[in-house]
Amino acid sequence: QVQLAESGGGVVQAGGSLRLSCAASGGFFRGYGLGWFRQAPGKDREFVAGISPGGINTRYTDSVKGRFTISRDNAKNTSYLQMNTLKTEDTAIYYCARSGSASYGSSDPRTYPYWGQGIQVTVSS
């Protein structure tokens, strides 16, 4: 059974940084694409970033390009989302997700069968 658990969220001032981690257990971690999504109150779940199984290829939504970096350590079964120059509009619950295949970068949540429980990120002005 695949389980994902996010950590590293919290409250930070605008302009600050946070690094989220997503620890996976069960399944064959290095064989699948991974993604990070976020959901702000009253809004749909939004794709943030995706990474290929080997960690070579990445994709980002336009609003975080140049500020966020997705990475993964397959030896540790862990994915990371480094978030720099945070803005108040980045405030949301952040979720990590595992794809059902080696594909990555899909913005459709339905292509990710496994999800973490989510973690709150609050950026204050």
PDB file of N, CA and C in Angstrom:
ATOM      1  N   GLN A   1       0.844  -1.185   0.000  1.00  0.00           N
ATOM      2  CA  GLN A   1       0.000   0.000   0.000  1.00  0.00           C
ATOM      3  C   GLN A   1       0.884   1.242   0.000  1.00  0.00           C
ATOM      4  N   VAL A   2       0.651   2.123  -0.941  1.00  0.00           N
ATOM      5  CA  VAL A   2       1.437   3.337  -1.069  1.00  0.00           C
ATOM      6  C   VAL A   2       0.916   4.389  -0.106  1.00  0.00           C
ATOM      7  N   GLN A   3       1.812   4.976   0.633  1.00  0.00           N
ATOM      8  CA  GLN A   3       1.451   6.075   1.524  1.00  0.00           C
ATOM      9  C   GLN A   3       2.430   7.218   1.328  1.00  0.00           C
ATOM     10  N   LEU A   4       1.894   8.438   1.355  1.00  0.00           N
ATOM     11  CA  LEU A   4       2.691   9.643   1.204  1.00  0.00           C
ATOM     12  C   LEU A   4       2.441  10.553   2.391  1.00  0.00           C
ATOM     13  N   ALA A   5       3.494  11.189   2.897  1.00  0.00           N
ATOM     14  CA  ALA A   5       3.350  12.063   4.060  1.00  0.00           C
ATOM     15  C   ALA A   5       4.180  13.319   3.864  1.00  0.00           C
ATOM     16  N   GLU A   6       3.503  14.468   3.863  1.00  0.00           N
ATOM     17  CA  GLU A   6       4.176  15.744   3.712  1.00  0.00           C
ATOM     18  C   GLU A   6       4.639  16.278   5.059  1.00  0.00           C
ATOM     19  N   SER A   7       5.705  17.068   5.024  1.00  0.00           N
ATOM     20  CA  SER A   7       6.188  17.762   6.215  1.00  0.00           C
ATOM     21  C   SER A   7       6.872  19.046   5.773  1.00  0.00           C
ATOM     22  N   GLY A   8       7.101  19.936   6.729  1.00  0.00           N
ATOM     23  CA  GLY A   8       7.844  21.155   6.449  1.00  0.00           C
ATOM     24  C   GLY A   8       7.013  22.396   6.242  1.00  0.00           C
ATOM     25  N   GLY A   9       5.713  22.284   6.343  1.00  0.00           N
ATOM     26  CA  GLY A   9       4.875  23.458   6.172  1.00  0.00           C
ATOM     27  C   GLY A   9       4.943  24.379   7.382  1.00  0.00           C
ATOM     28  N   GLY A  10       4.208  25.487   7.304  1.00  0.00           N
ATOM     29  CA  GLY A  10       4.169  26.412   8.430  1.00  0.00           C
ATOM     30  C   GLY A  10       3.828  27.808   7.982  1.00  0.00           C
ATOM     31  N   VAL A  11       4.178  28.767   8.823  1.00  0.00           N
ATOM     32  CA  VAL A  11       3.906  30.179   8.559  1.00  0.00           C
ATOM     33  C   VAL A  11       5.228  30.884   8.269  1.00  0.00           C
ATOM     34  N   VAL A  12       5.242  31.669   7.215  1.00  0.00           N
ATOM     35  CA  VAL A  12       6.451  32.395   6.829  1.00  0.00           C
ATOM     36  C   VAL A  12       6.039  33.758   6.296  1.00  0.00           C
ATOM     37  N   GLN A  13       6.906  34.728   6.449  1.00  0.00           N
ATOM     38  CA  GLN A  13       6.617  36.052   5.915  1.00  0.00           C
ATOM     39  C   GLN A  13       6.866  36.092   4.415  1.00  0.00           C
ATOM     40  N   ALA A  14       6.170  36.979   3.755  1.00  0.00           N
ATOM     41  CA  ALA A  14       6.374  37.153   2.316  1.00  0.00           C
ATOM     42  C   ALA A  14       7.852  37.440   2.036  1.00  0.00           C
ATOM     43  N   GLY A  15       8.348  36.791   0.990  1.00  0.00           N
ATOM     44  CA  GLY A  15       9.765  36.903   0.654  1.00  0.00           C
ATOM     45  C   GLY A  15      10.614  35.805   1.247  1.00  0.00           C
ATOM     46  N   GLY A  16      10.045  35.059   2.181  1.00  0.00           N
ATOM     47  CA  GLY A  16      10.787  33.991   2.844  1.00  0.00           C
ATOM     48  C   GLY A  16      10.757  32.692   2.064  1.00  0.00           C
ATOM     49  N   SER A  17      11.304  31.648   2.699  1.00  0.00           N
ATOM     50  CA  SER A  17      11.426  30.337   2.051  1.00  0.00           C
ATOM     51  C   SER A  17      10.936  29.227   2.965  1.00  0.00           C
ATOM     52  N   LEU A  18      10.499  28.156   2.336  1.00  0.00           N
ATOM     53  CA  LEU A  18      10.156  26.923   3.030  1.00  0.00           C
ATOM     54  C   LEU A  18      10.555  25.761   2.137  1.00  0.00           C
ATOM     55  N   ARG A  19      10.855  24.623   2.745  1.00  0.00           N
ATOM     56  CA  ARG A  19      11.081  23.417   1.975  1.00  0.00           C
ATOM     57  C   ARG A  19      10.128  22.341   2.462  1.00  0.00           C
ATOM     58  N   LEU A  20       9.292  21.875   1.572  1.00  0.00           N
ATOM     59  CA  LEU A  20       8.380  20.781   1.875  1.00  0.00           C
ATOM     60  C   LEU A  20       9.039  19.457   1.496  1.00  0.00           C
ATOM     61  N   SER A  21       8.752  18.452   2.298  1.00  0.00           N
ATOM     62  CA  SER A  21       9.213  17.100   2.015  1.00  0.00           C
ATOM     63  C   SER A  21       8.018  16.176   1.891  1.00  0.00           C
ATOM     64  N   CYS A  22       8.180  15.138   1.096  1.00  0.00           N
ATOM     65  CA  CYS A  22       7.136  14.133   0.923  1.00  0.00           C
ATOM     66  C   CYS A  22       7.799  12.766   1.007  1.00  0.00           C
ATOM     67  N   ALA A  23       7.558  12.074   2.100  1.00  0.00           N
ATOM     68  CA  ALA A  23       8.138  10.750   2.308  1.00  0.00           C
ATOM     69  C   ALA A  23       7.149   9.685   1.860  1.00  0.00           C
ATOM     70  N   ALA A  24       7.619   8.756   1.037  1.00  0.00           N
ATOM     71  CA  ALA A  24       6.762   7.710   0.502  1.00  0.00           C
ATOM     72  C   ALA A  24       7.125   6.356   1.092  1.00  0.00           C
ATOM     73  N   SER A  25       6.114   5.537   1.271  1.00  0.00           N
ATOM     74  CA  SER A  25       6.333   4.156   1.691  1.00  0.00           C
ATOM     75  C   SER A  25       5.434   3.253   0.856  1.00  0.00           C
ATOM     76  N   GLY A  26       5.894   2.019   0.639  1.00  0.00           N
ATOM     77  CA  GLY A  26       5.134   1.092  -0.202  1.00  0.00           C
ATOM     78  C   GLY A  26       5.334   1.406  -1.677  1.00  0.00           C
ATOM     79  N   GLY A  27       5.150   0.434  -2.532  1.00  0.00           N
ATOM     80  CA  GLY A  27       5.278   0.647  -3.966  1.00  0.00           C
ATOM     81  C   GLY A  27       6.712   0.813  -4.408  1.00  0.00           C
ATOM     82  N   PHE A  28       6.879   1.034  -5.699  1.00  0.00           N
ATOM     83  CA  PHE A  28       8.188   1.180  -6.305  1.00  0.00           C
ATOM     84  C   PHE A  28       8.383   2.658  -6.622  1.00  0.00           C
ATOM     85  N   PHE A  29       8.945   3.387  -5.666  1.00  0.00           N
ATOM     86  CA  PHE A  29       8.992   4.847  -5.716  1.00  0.00           C
ATOM     87  C   PHE A  29       9.649   5.375  -6.978  1.00  0.00           C
ATOM     88  N   ARG A  30      10.805   4.785  -7.329  1.00  0.00           N
ATOM     89  CA  ARG A  30      11.599   5.387  -8.400  1.00  0.00           C
ATOM     90  C   ARG A  30      11.036   5.118  -9.794  1.00  0.00           C
ATOM     91  N   GLY A  31       9.987   4.351  -9.876  1.00  0.00           N
ATOM     92  CA  GLY A  31       9.413   4.042 -11.173  1.00  0.00           C
ATOM     93  C   GLY A  31       8.292   4.969 -11.614  1.00  0.00           C
ATOM     94  N   TYR A  32       7.965   5.957 -10.797  1.00  0.00           N
ATOM     95  CA  TYR A  32       6.774   6.764 -11.054  1.00  0.00           C
ATOM     96  C   TYR A  32       7.060   8.259 -10.994  1.00  0.00           C
ATOM     97  N   GLY A  33       6.302   9.003 -11.800  1.00  0.00           N
ATOM     98  CA  GLY A  33       6.351  10.447 -11.710  1.00  0.00           C
ATOM     99  C   GLY A  33       5.705  10.944 -10.423  1.00  0.00           C
ATOM    100  N   LEU A  34       6.135  12.098  -9.974  1.00  0.00           N
ATOM    101  CA  LEU A  34       5.609  12.703  -8.757  1.00  0.00           C
ATOM    102  C   LEU A  34       5.146  14.125  -9.046  1.00  0.00           C
ATOM    103  N   GLY A  35       4.205  14.578  -8.253  1.00  0.00           N
ATOM    104  CA  GLY A  35       3.721  15.936  -8.416  1.00  0.00           C
ATOM    105  C   GLY A  35       3.421  16.590  -7.087  1.00  0.00           C
ATOM    106  N   TRP A  36       3.429  17.907  -7.106  1.00  0.00           N
ATOM    107  CA  TRP A  36       2.964  18.719  -5.978  1.00  0.00           C
ATOM    108  C   TRP A  36       1.787  19.557  -6.473  1.00  0.00           C
ATOM    109  N   PHE A  37       0.754  19.588  -5.659  1.00  0.00           N
ATOM    110  CA  PHE A  37      -0.433  20.385  -5.940  1.00  0.00           C
ATOM    111  C   PHE A  37      -0.690  21.277  -4.736  1.00  0.00           C
ATOM    112  N   ARG A  38      -1.572  22.256  -4.904  1.00  0.00           N
ATOM    113  CA  ARG A  38      -1.992  23.086  -3.783  1.00  0.00           C
ATOM    114  C   ARG A  38      -3.453  23.470  -3.956  1.00  0.00           C
ATOM    115  N   GLN A  39      -4.084  23.748  -2.826  1.00  0.00           N
ATOM    116  CA  GLN A  39      -5.480  24.153  -2.852  1.00  0.00           C
ATOM    117  C   GLN A  39      -5.693  25.263  -1.842  1.00  0.00           C
ATOM    118  N   ALA A  40      -6.087  26.416  -2.345  1.00  0.00           N
ATOM    119  CA  ALA A  40      -6.413  27.553  -1.488  1.00  0.00           C
ATOM    120  C   ALA A  40      -7.908  27.524  -1.184  1.00  0.00           C
ATOM    121  N   PRO A  41      -8.332  28.168  -0.099  1.00  0.00           N
ATOM    122  CA  PRO A  41      -9.753  28.161   0.262  1.00  0.00           C
ATOM    123  C   PRO A  41     -10.629  28.673  -0.883  1.00  0.00           C
ATOM    124  N   GLY A  42     -11.659  27.907  -1.208  1.00  0.00           N
ATOM    125  CA  GLY A  42     -12.590  28.316  -2.238  1.00  0.00           C
ATOM    126  C   GLY A  42     -12.111  28.119  -3.664  1.00  0.00           C
ATOM    127  N   LYS A  43     -10.943  27.500  -3.827  1.00  0.00           N
ATOM    128  CA  LYS A  43     -10.394  27.304  -5.166  1.00  0.00           C
ATOM    129  C   LYS A  43     -10.192  25.822  -5.451  1.00  0.00           C
ATOM    130  N   ASP A  44     -10.059  25.506  -6.732  1.00  0.00           N
ATOM    131  CA  ASP A  44      -9.784  24.136  -7.136  1.00  0.00           C
ATOM    132  C   ASP A  44      -8.342  23.766  -6.810  1.00  0.00           C
ATOM    133  N   ARG A  45      -8.107  22.466  -6.727  1.00  0.00           N
ATOM    134  CA  ARG A  45      -6.737  21.994  -6.531  1.00  0.00           C
ATOM    135  C   ARG A  45      -5.921  22.322  -7.779  1.00  0.00           C
ATOM    136  N   GLU A  46      -4.746  22.883  -7.564  1.00  0.00           N
ATOM    137  CA  GLU A  46      -3.926  23.420  -8.649  1.00  0.00           C
ATOM    138  C   GLU A  46      -2.589  22.698  -8.730  1.00  0.00           C
ATOM    139  N   PHE A  47      -2.196  22.310  -9.948  1.00  0.00           N
ATOM    140  CA  PHE A  47      -0.881  21.721 -10.162  1.00  0.00           C
ATOM    141  C   PHE A  47       0.195  22.770  -9.903  1.00  0.00           C
ATOM    142  N   VAL A  48       1.238  22.378  -9.184  1.00  0.00           N
ATOM    143  CA  VAL A  48       2.353  23.273  -8.893  1.00  0.00           C
ATOM    144  C   VAL A  48       3.609  22.834  -9.639  1.00  0.00           C
ATOM    145  N   ALA A  49       3.990  21.571  -9.478  1.00  0.00           N
ATOM    146  CA  ALA A  49       5.236  21.091 -10.090  1.00  0.00           C
ATOM    147  C   ALA A  49       5.176  19.578 -10.240  1.00  0.00           C
ATOM    148  N   GLY A  50       5.942  19.068 -11.218  1.00  0.00           N
ATOM    149  CA  GLY A  50       6.034  17.626 -11.425  1.00  0.00           C
ATOM    150  C   GLY A  50       7.450  17.239 -11.769  1.00  0.00           C
ATOM    151  N   ILE A  51       7.813  15.981 -11.487  1.00  0.00           N
ATOM    152  CA  ILE A  51       9.167  15.508 -11.735  1.00  0.00           C
ATOM    153  C   ILE A  51       9.113  14.084 -12.247  1.00  0.00           C
ATOM    154  N   SER A  52      10.008  13.784 -13.170  1.00  0.00           N
ATOM    155  CA  SER A  52      10.052  12.464 -13.784  1.00  0.00           C
ATOM    156  C   SER A  52      10.643  11.440 -12.818  1.00  0.00           C
ATOM    157  N   PRO A  53      10.499  10.151 -13.114  1.00  0.00           N
ATOM    158  CA  PRO A  53      10.982   9.121 -12.181  1.00  0.00           C
ATOM    159  C   PRO A  53      12.464   9.249 -11.835  1.00  0.00           C
ATOM    160  N   GLY A  54      13.295   9.582 -12.807  1.00  0.00           N
ATOM    161  CA  GLY A  54      14.726   9.702 -12.546  1.00  0.00           C
ATOM    162  C   GLY A  54      15.137  11.058 -12.020  1.00  0.00           C
ATOM    163  N   GLY A  55      14.193  11.999 -11.990  1.00  0.00           N
ATOM    164  CA  GLY A  55      14.494  13.326 -11.457  1.00  0.00           C
ATOM    165  C   GLY A  55      15.106  14.284 -12.456  1.00  0.00           C
ATOM    166  N   ILE A  56      15.217  13.872 -13.718  1.00  0.00           N
ATOM    167  CA  ILE A  56      15.881  14.714 -14.717  1.00  0.00           C
ATOM    168  C   ILE A  56      14.951  15.788 -15.266  1.00  0.00           C
ATOM    169  N   ASN A  57      13.734  15.418 -15.498  1.00  0.00           N
ATOM    170  CA  ASN A  57      12.771  16.327 -16.121  1.00  0.00           C
ATOM    171  C   ASN A  57      11.783  16.868 -15.102  1.00  0.00           C
ATOM    172  N   THR A  58      11.510  18.167 -15.210  1.00  0.00           N
ATOM    173  CA  THR A  58      10.573  18.821 -14.304  1.00  0.00           C
ATOM    174  C   THR A  58       9.621  19.715 -15.088  1.00  0.00           C
ATOM    175  N   ARG A  59       8.540  20.053 -14.451  1.00  0.00           N
ATOM    176  CA  ARG A  59       7.566  20.968 -15.048  1.00  0.00           C
ATOM    177  C   ARG A  59       6.945  21.780 -13.923  1.00  0.00           C
ATOM    178  N   TYR A  60       6.670  23.069 -14.217  1.00  0.00           N
ATOM    179  CA  TYR A  60       6.116  23.973 -13.205  1.00  0.00           C
ATOM    180  C   TYR A  60       4.956  24.762 -13.784  1.00  0.00           C
ATOM    181  N   THR A  61       4.029  25.128 -12.915  1.00  0.00           N
ATOM    182  CA  THR A  61       3.031  26.078 -13.328  1.00  0.00           C
ATOM    183  C   THR A  61       3.691  27.459 -13.427  1.00  0.00           C
ATOM    184  N   ASP A  62       3.168  28.307 -14.282  1.00  0.00           N
ATOM    185  CA  ASP A  62       3.842  29.572 -14.577  1.00  0.00           C
ATOM    186  C   ASP A  62       4.053  30.439 -13.340  1.00  0.00           C
ATOM    187  N   SER A  63       3.113  30.414 -12.415  1.00  0.00           N
ATOM    188  CA  SER A  63       3.177  31.338 -11.279  1.00  0.00           C
ATOM    189  C   SER A  63       4.312  31.019 -10.306  1.00  0.00           C
ATOM    190  N   VAL A  64       4.915  29.836 -10.398  1.00  0.00           N
ATOM    191  CA  VAL A  64       5.995  29.494  -9.467  1.00  0.00           C
ATOM    192  C   VAL A  64       7.341  29.327 -10.166  1.00  0.00           C
ATOM    193  N   LYS A  65       7.370  29.435 -11.470  1.00  0.00           N
ATOM    194  CA  LYS A  65       8.637  29.278 -12.201  1.00  0.00           C
ATOM    195  C   LYS A  65       9.659  30.296 -11.708  1.00  0.00           C
ATOM    196  N   GLY A  66      10.876  29.809 -11.477  1.00  0.00           N
ATOM    197  CA  GLY A  66      11.938  30.673 -10.985  1.00  0.00           C
ATOM    198  C   GLY A  66      11.942  30.850  -9.479  1.00  0.00           C
ATOM    199  N   ARG A  67      10.888  30.412  -8.800  1.00  0.00           N
ATOM    200  CA  ARG A  67      10.816  30.534  -7.341  1.00  0.00           C
ATOM    201  C   ARG A  67      10.796  29.176  -6.648  1.00  0.00           C
ATOM    202  N   PHE A  68      10.130  28.205  -7.247  1.00  0.00           N
ATOM    203  CA  PHE A  68      10.010  26.873  -6.645  1.00  0.00           C
ATOM    204  C   PHE A  68      10.888  25.885  -7.396  1.00  0.00           C
ATOM    205  N   THR A  69      11.403  24.897  -6.677  1.00  0.00           N
ATOM    206  CA  THR A  69      12.193  23.827  -7.286  1.00  0.00           C
ATOM    207  C   THR A  69      11.741  22.489  -6.725  1.00  0.00           C
ATOM    208  N   ILE A  70      11.365  21.596  -7.621  1.00  0.00           N
ATOM    209  CA  ILE A  70      10.999  20.238  -7.219  1.00  0.00           C
ATOM    210  C   ILE A  70      12.200  19.327  -7.418  1.00  0.00           C
ATOM    211  N   SER A  71      12.378  18.399  -6.507  1.00  0.00           N
ATOM    212  CA  SER A  71      13.466  17.437  -6.619  1.00  0.00           C
ATOM    213  C   SER A  71      13.031  16.132  -5.945  1.00  0.00           C
ATOM    214  N   ARG A  72      13.855  15.122  -6.100  1.00  0.00           N
ATOM    215  CA  ARG A  72      13.557  13.847  -5.457  1.00  0.00           C
ATOM    216  C   ARG A  72      14.852  13.112  -5.159  1.00  0.00           C
ATOM    217  N   ASP A  73      14.813  12.329  -4.096  1.00  0.00           N
ATOM    218  CA  ASP A  73      15.922  11.463  -3.710  1.00  0.00           C
ATOM    219  C   ASP A  73      15.369  10.046  -3.678  1.00  0.00           C
ATOM    220  N   ASN A  74      15.613   9.301  -4.753  1.00  0.00           N
ATOM    221  CA  ASN A  74      15.023   7.971  -4.840  1.00  0.00           C
ATOM    222  C   ASN A  74      15.604   7.002  -3.808  1.00  0.00           C
ATOM    223  N   ALA A  75      16.811   7.263  -3.349  1.00  0.00           N
ATOM    224  CA  ALA A  75      17.396   6.404  -2.317  1.00  0.00           C
ATOM    225  C   ALA A  75      16.666   6.562  -0.983  1.00  0.00           C
ATOM    226  N   LYS A  76      16.058   7.727  -0.794  1.00  0.00           N
ATOM    227  CA  LYS A  76      15.336   8.002   0.452  1.00  0.00           C
ATOM    228  C   LYS A  76      13.827   7.961   0.262  1.00  0.00           C
ATOM    229  N   ASN A  77      13.371   7.640  -0.948  1.00  0.00           N
ATOM    230  CA  ASN A  77      11.925   7.623  -1.227  1.00  0.00           C
ATOM    231  C   ASN A  77      11.267   8.940  -0.826  1.00  0.00           C
ATOM    232  N   THR A  78      11.909  10.026  -1.169  1.00  0.00           N
ATOM    233  CA  THR A  78      11.434  11.339  -0.736  1.00  0.00           C
ATOM    234  C   THR A  78      11.477  12.342  -1.879  1.00  0.00           C
ATOM    235  N   SER A  79      10.451  13.182  -1.926  1.00  0.00           N
ATOM    236  CA  SER A  79      10.408  14.295  -2.863  1.00  0.00           C
ATOM    237  C   SER A  79      10.441  15.593  -2.062  1.00  0.00           C
ATOM    238  N   TYR A  80      10.953  16.641  -2.698  1.00  0.00           N
ATOM    239  CA  TYR A  80      11.059  17.936  -2.037  1.00  0.00           C
ATOM    240  C   TYR A  80      10.472  19.029  -2.922  1.00  0.00           C
ATOM    241  N   LEU A  81       9.969  20.056  -2.275  1.00  0.00           N
ATOM    242  CA  LEU A  81       9.549  21.263  -2.975  1.00  0.00           C
ATOM    243  C   LEU A  81      10.169  22.442  -2.245  1.00  0.00           C
ATOM    244  N   GLN A  82      11.228  22.995  -2.831  1.00  0.00           N
ATOM    245  CA  GLN A  82      11.877  24.176  -2.267  1.00  0.00           C
ATOM    246  C   GLN A  82      11.128  25.399  -2.763  1.00  0.00           C
ATOM    247  N   MET A  83      10.640  26.207  -1.842  1.00  0.00           N
ATOM    248  CA  MET A  83       9.843  27.379  -2.194  1.00  0.00           C
ATOM    249  C   MET A  83      10.549  28.628  -1.711  1.00  0.00           C
ATOM    250  N   ASN A  84      10.963  29.460  -2.642  1.00  0.00           N
ATOM    251  CA  ASN A  84      11.658  30.707  -2.323  1.00  0.00           C
ATOM    252  C   ASN A  84      10.817  31.902  -2.746  1.00  0.00           C
ATOM    253  N   THR A  85      11.161  33.054  -2.222  1.00  0.00           N
ATOM    254  CA  THR A  85      10.465  34.304  -2.547  1.00  0.00           C
ATOM    255  C   THR A  85       8.955  34.106  -2.470  1.00  0.00           C
ATOM    256  N   LEU A  86       8.514  33.583  -1.364  1.00  0.00           N
ATOM    257  CA  LEU A  86       7.097  33.257  -1.205  1.00  0.00           C
ATOM    258  C   LEU A  86       6.242  34.508  -1.202  1.00  0.00           C
ATOM    259  N   LYS A  87       5.042  34.363  -1.760  1.00  0.00           N
ATOM    260  CA  LYS A  87       4.081  35.445  -1.854  1.00  0.00           C
ATOM    261  C   LYS A  87       2.821  35.054  -1.088  1.00  0.00           C
ATOM    262  N   THR A  88       2.034  36.056  -0.706  1.00  0.00           N
ATOM    263  CA  THR A  88       0.810  35.750   0.040  1.00  0.00           C
ATOM    264  C   THR A  88      -0.119  34.842  -0.771  1.00  0.00           C
ATOM    265  N   GLU A  89      -0.078  34.975  -2.081  1.00  0.00           N
ATOM    266  CA  GLU A  89      -0.947  34.134  -2.919  1.00  0.00           C
ATOM    267  C   GLU A  89      -0.483  32.677  -2.991  1.00  0.00           C
ATOM    268  N   ASP A  90       0.668  32.361  -2.414  1.00  0.00           N
ATOM    269  CA  ASP A  90       1.109  30.967  -2.316  1.00  0.00           C
ATOM    270  C   ASP A  90       0.464  30.248  -1.130  1.00  0.00           C
ATOM    271  N   THR A  91      -0.253  30.987  -0.299  1.00  0.00           N
ATOM    272  CA  THR A  91      -0.924  30.381   0.848  1.00  0.00           C
ATOM    273  C   THR A  91      -1.933  29.336   0.384  1.00  0.00           C
ATOM    274  N   ALA A  92      -1.788  28.121   0.898  1.00  0.00           N
ATOM    275  CA  ALA A  92      -2.652  27.017   0.483  1.00  0.00           C
ATOM    276  C   ALA A  92      -2.285  25.773   1.278  1.00  0.00           C
ATOM    277  N   ILE A  93      -3.098  24.751   1.122  1.00  0.00           N
ATOM    278  CA  ILE A  93      -2.709  23.417   1.566  1.00  0.00           C
ATOM    279  C   ILE A  93      -1.955  22.770   0.395  1.00  0.00           C
ATOM    280  N   TYR A  94      -0.788  22.245   0.686  1.00  0.00           N
ATOM    281  CA  TYR A  94       0.052  21.643  -0.348  1.00  0.00           C
ATOM    282  C   TYR A  94       0.004  20.122  -0.214  1.00  0.00           C
ATOM    283  N   TYR A  95      -0.150  19.465  -1.360  1.00  0.00           N
ATOM    284  CA  TYR A  95      -0.243  18.011  -1.414  1.00  0.00           C
ATOM    285  C   TYR A  95       0.834  17.442  -2.327  1.00  0.00           C
ATOM    286  N   CYS A  96       1.439  16.350  -1.912  1.00  0.00           N
ATOM    287  CA  CYS A  96       2.269  15.600  -2.849  1.00  0.00           C
ATOM    288  C   CYS A  96       1.444  14.432  -3.373  1.00  0.00           C
ATOM    289  N   ALA A  97       1.781  14.000  -4.577  1.00  0.00           N
ATOM    290  CA  ALA A  97       1.011  12.952  -5.234  1.00  0.00           C
ATOM    291  C   ALA A  97       1.932  12.099  -6.096  1.00  0.00           C
ATOM    292  N   ARG A  98       1.590  10.825  -6.214  1.00  0.00           N
ATOM    293  CA  ARG A  98       2.356   9.915  -7.068  1.00  0.00           C
ATOM    294  C   ARG A  98       1.525   9.530  -8.266  1.00  0.00           C
ATOM    295  N   SER A  99       2.143   9.643  -9.427  1.00  0.00           N
ATOM    296  CA  SER A  99       1.469   9.276 -10.662  1.00  0.00           C
ATOM    297  C   SER A  99       1.218   7.771 -10.716  1.00  0.00           C
ATOM    298  N   GLY A 100       0.302   7.383 -11.577  1.00  0.00           N
ATOM    299  CA  GLY A 100       0.051   5.970 -11.789  1.00  0.00           C
ATOM    300  C   GLY A 100       0.956   5.363 -12.846  1.00  0.00           C
ATOM    301  N   SER A 101       1.910   6.159 -13.365  1.00  0.00           N
ATOM    302  CA  SER A 101       2.817   5.685 -14.411  1.00  0.00           C
ATOM    303  C   SER A 101       4.119   6.465 -14.323  1.00  0.00           C
ATOM    304  N   ALA A 102       4.983   6.251 -15.321  1.00  0.00           N
ATOM    305  CA  ALA A 102       6.246   6.982 -15.351  1.00  0.00           C
ATOM    306  C   ALA A 102       6.076   8.406 -15.880  1.00  0.00           C
ATOM    307  N   SER A 103       4.895   8.752 -16.340  1.00  0.00           N
ATOM    308  CA  SER A 103       4.677  10.101 -16.854  1.00  0.00           C
ATOM    309  C   SER A 103       4.728  11.100 -15.703  1.00  0.00           C
ATOM    310  N   TYR A 104       5.015  12.328 -16.034  1.00  0.00           N
ATOM    311  CA  TYR A 104       5.117  13.363 -15.020  1.00  0.00           C
ATOM    312  C   TYR A 104       4.549  14.642 -15.587  1.00  0.00           C
ATOM    313  N   GLY A 105       4.278  15.606 -14.706  1.00  0.00           N
ATOM    314  CA  GLY A 105       3.894  16.915 -15.188  1.00  0.00           C
ATOM    315  C   GLY A 105       2.436  17.076 -15.569  1.00  0.00           C
ATOM    316  N   SER A 106       1.632  16.044 -15.353  1.00  0.00           N
ATOM    317  CA  SER A 106       0.211  16.200 -15.659  1.00  0.00           C
ATOM    318  C   SER A 106      -0.423  17.131 -14.648  1.00  0.00           C
ATOM    319  N   SER A 107      -1.241  18.050 -15.131  1.00  0.00           N
ATOM    320  CA  SER A 107      -1.938  18.974 -14.239  1.00  0.00           C
ATOM    321  C   SER A 107      -3.297  18.427 -13.821  1.00  0.00           C
ATOM    322  N   ASP A 108      -3.658  17.255 -14.314  1.00  0.00           N
ATOM    323  CA  ASP A 108      -4.945  16.644 -14.000  1.00  0.00           C
ATOM    324  C   ASP A 108      -4.814  15.785 -12.752  1.00  0.00           C
ATOM    325  N   PRO A 109      -5.444  16.165 -11.653  1.00  0.00           N
ATOM    326  CA  PRO A 109      -5.327  15.370 -10.418  1.00  0.00           C
ATOM    327  C   PRO A 109      -5.774  13.922 -10.591  1.00  0.00           C
ATOM    328  N   ARG A 110      -6.605  13.657 -11.577  1.00  0.00           N
ATOM    329  CA  ARG A 110      -7.123  12.295 -11.753  1.00  0.00           C
ATOM    330  C   ARG A 110      -6.042  11.320 -12.214  1.00  0.00           C
ATOM    331  N   THR A 111      -4.913  11.843 -12.682  1.00  0.00           N
ATOM    332  CA  THR A 111      -3.837  10.957 -13.127  1.00  0.00           C
ATOM    333  C   THR A 111      -2.900  10.575 -11.984  1.00  0.00           C
ATOM    334  N   TYR A 112      -3.228  11.013 -10.783  1.00  0.00           N
ATOM    335  CA  TYR A 112      -2.417  10.699  -9.603  1.00  0.00           C
ATOM    336  C   TYR A 112      -3.270   9.877  -8.646  1.00  0.00           C
ATOM    337  N   PRO A 113      -3.077   8.577  -8.573  1.00  0.00           N
ATOM    338  CA  PRO A 113      -3.916   7.745  -7.703  1.00  0.00           C
ATOM    339  C   PRO A 113      -3.546   7.804  -6.227  1.00  0.00           C
ATOM    340  N   TYR A 114      -2.367   8.328  -5.911  1.00  0.00           N
ATOM    341  CA  TYR A 114      -1.928   8.338  -4.517  1.00  0.00           C
ATOM    342  C   TYR A 114      -1.618   9.762  -4.074  1.00  0.00           C
ATOM    343  N   TRP A 115      -2.124  10.111  -2.861  1.00  0.00           N
ATOM    344  CA  TRP A 115      -1.996  11.469  -2.343  1.00  0.00           C
ATOM    345  C   TRP A 115      -1.584  11.450  -0.887  1.00  0.00           C
ATOM    346  N   GLY A 116      -0.833  12.486  -0.501  1.00  0.00           N
ATOM    347  CA  GLY A 116      -0.585  12.716   0.900  1.00  0.00           C
ATOM    348  C   GLY A 116      -1.787  13.396   1.541  1.00  0.00           C
ATOM    349  N   GLN A 117      -1.711  13.614   2.833  1.00  0.00           N
ATOM    350  CA  GLN A 117      -2.827  14.204   3.564  1.00  0.00           C
ATOM    351  C   GLN A 117      -2.863  15.726   3.432  1.00  0.00           C
ATOM    352  N   GLY A 118      -1.783  16.305   2.942  1.00  0.00           N
ATOM    353  CA  GLY A 118      -1.727  17.749   2.767  1.00  0.00           C
ATOM    354  C   GLY A 118      -1.104  18.444   3.962  1.00  0.00           C
ATOM    355  N   ILE A 119      -0.491  19.599   3.706  1.00  0.00           N
ATOM    356  CA  ILE A 119       0.125  20.373   4.769  1.00  0.00           C
ATOM    357  C   ILE A 119      -0.076  21.855   4.474  1.00  0.00           C
ATOM    358  N   GLN A 120      -0.343  22.612   5.528  1.00  0.00           N
ATOM    359  CA  GLN A 120      -0.663  24.022   5.378  1.00  0.00           C
ATOM    360  C   GLN A 120       0.606  24.853   5.218  1.00  0.00           C
ATOM    361  N   VAL A 121       0.570  25.741   4.240  1.00  0.00           N
ATOM    362  CA  VAL A 121       1.592  26.771   4.061  1.00  0.00           C
ATOM    363  C   VAL A 121       0.880  28.115   4.090  1.00  0.00           C
ATOM    364  N   THR A 122       1.287  28.966   5.015  1.00  0.00           N
ATOM    365  CA  THR A 122       0.689  30.292   5.148  1.00  0.00           C
ATOM    366  C   THR A 122       1.783  31.339   4.989  1.00  0.00           C
ATOM    367  N   VAL A 123       1.576  32.245   4.040  1.00  0.00           N
ATOM    368  CA  VAL A 123       2.528  33.320   3.807  1.00  0.00           C
ATOM    369  C   VAL A 123       1.877  34.624   4.249  1.00  0.00           C
ATOM    370  N   SER A 124       2.472  35.263   5.231  1.00  0.00           N
ATOM    371  CA  SER A 124       1.902  36.494   5.784  1.00  0.00           C
ATOM    372  C   SER A 124       2.568  37.717   5.151  1.00  0.00           C
ATOM    373  N   SER A 125       1.810  38.798   5.082  1.00  0.00           N
ATOM    374  CA  SER A 125       2.331  40.031   4.469  1.00  0.00           C
ATOM    375  C   SER A 125       3.081  40.875   5.481  1.00  0.00           C
TER     376      SER A 125
END
